[in-house]
Amino acid sequence: MNHREIIRRPILTEKSLRGNEGGKYTFEVALGANKLTVKQAVEVIFSVQVRKVNVINIPGRLRRRGRYTFTSSKMRKAIVTLAPGQKIDLESLT
């Protein structure tokens, strides 16, 4: 799997941006990605040193459109902690 396929997009919410001061960045990752592949992908794409990776599975939610119900797609996100002094410029990505 390509490194660009593993890291889908950064998650830029208020809560995730608060972690940027502590060196924590949140990304949406591929469903089949594990901690090791996420770490390697972030190190290659952004040229930084990764200290720790936490991965969270978010299940699909039950949604309604009128009388029809469906399940939204599930998601996997990773919170990546960088080594001290490392930084990712997220504004250049969007």
Protein backbone atom coordinates (compact mmCIF):
# COMPACT_ATOMS: atom_id res chain seq x y z
CA MET A 1 0.00 0.00 0.00
CA ASN A 2 1.26 3.46 -0.92
CA HIS A 3 2.01 5.94 1.89
CA ARG A 4 -0.44 8.45 0.40
CA GLU A 5 -3.17 5.79 0.48
CA ILE A 6 -2.58 5.11 4.18
CA ILE A 7 -2.85 8.77 5.28
CA ARG A 8 -6.12 9.97 3.74
CA ARG A 9 -6.46 13.47 5.19
CA PRO A 10 -5.72 15.50 8.33
CA ILE A 11 -8.64 16.08 10.69
CA LEU A 12 -8.85 19.82 11.33
CA THR A 13 -11.40 20.27 14.12
CA GLU A 14 -11.04 22.59 17.10
CA LYS A 15 -10.34 19.67 19.40
CA SER A 16 -7.68 18.12 17.17
CA LEU A 17 -5.99 21.50 16.56
CA ARG A 18 -5.62 22.00 20.33
CA GLY A 19 -3.29 18.98 20.36
CA ASN A 20 -0.95 20.54 17.79
CA GLU A 21 0.78 22.62 20.47
CA GLY A 22 1.74 19.38 22.25
CA GLY A 23 2.97 17.77 19.05
CA LYS A 24 -0.15 15.64 18.47
CA TYR A 25 -1.68 15.52 14.99
CA THR A 26 -4.86 13.69 13.94
CA PHE A 27 -5.28 11.98 10.57
CA GLU A 28 -7.94 9.87 8.91
CA VAL A 29 -6.22 6.65 7.83
CA ALA A 30 -7.13 3.64 5.71
CA LEU A 31 -9.21 0.93 7.39
CA GLY A 32 -6.50 -1.70 6.96
CA ALA A 33 -3.68 0.44 8.37
CA ASN A 34 -2.00 -0.48 11.64
CA LYS A 35 0.19 1.61 13.96
CA LEU A 36 3.43 0.60 12.29
CA THR A 37 2.31 1.49 8.76
CA VAL A 38 0.84 4.80 9.97
CA LYS A 39 4.14 5.66 11.67
CA GLN A 40 6.16 4.85 8.55
CA ALA A 41 3.79 6.80 6.29
CA VAL A 42 3.90 9.96 8.45
CA GLU A 43 7.69 9.81 8.70
CA VAL A 44 8.10 9.44 4.93
CA ILE A 45 5.48 12.01 3.84
CA PHE A 46 6.27 14.78 6.35
CA SER A 47 9.98 14.04 7.13
CA VAL A 48 9.47 14.02 10.90
CA GLN A 49 10.21 11.63 13.77
CA VAL A 50 7.16 9.91 15.27
CA ARG A 51 7.25 9.00 18.94
CA LYS A 52 3.83 7.35 19.39
CA VAL A 53 0.70 6.41 17.40
CA ASN A 54 -2.79 5.84 18.80
CA VAL A 55 -5.42 4.36 16.48
CA ILE A 56 -9.20 4.68 16.97
CA ASN A 57 -11.95 2.83 15.08
CA ILE A 58 -15.16 4.83 14.63
CA PRO A 59 -18.17 2.66 13.73
CA GLY A 60 -20.70 3.70 11.12
CA ARG A 61 -23.73 5.55 12.48
CA LEU A 62 -27.37 4.87 11.71
CA ARG A 63 -28.72 7.76 9.59
CA ARG A 64 -32.10 8.67 8.14
CA ARG A 65 -33.21 10.38 4.97
CA GLY A 66 -36.98 10.66 5.16
CA ARG A 67 -38.31 7.19 5.78
CA TYR A 68 -35.14 5.41 4.64
CA THR A 69 -32.43 4.42 7.08
CA PHE A 70 -28.86 3.55 6.21
CA THR A 71 -25.53 3.14 7.96
CA SER A 72 -22.81 5.69 7.24
CA SER A 73 -19.37 4.32 6.48
CA LYS A 74 -16.99 3.53 9.30
CA MET A 75 -13.74 5.42 9.78
CA ARG A 76 -10.33 4.88 11.35
CA LYS A 77 -8.29 7.76 12.69
CA ALA A 78 -4.81 7.99 14.12
CA ILE A 79 -3.40 10.44 16.66
CA VAL A 80 0.32 10.80 15.97
CA THR A 81 2.66 12.18 18.64
CA LEU A 82 5.88 13.67 17.28
CA ALA A 83 9.27 13.88 18.94
CA PRO A 84 10.02 17.17 20.75
CA GLY A 85 10.96 19.97 18.36
CA GLN A 86 9.21 18.33 15.36
CA LYS A 87 6.36 20.09 13.57
CA ILE A 88 3.99 19.52 10.62
CA ASP A 89 2.68 22.48 8.64
CA LEU A 90 -0.97 21.55 8.06
CA GLU A 91 -1.86 24.79 6.27
CA SER A 92 0.29 23.83 3.29
CA LEU A 93 -1.76 20.62 2.86
CA THR A 94 -5.18 22.21 2.38
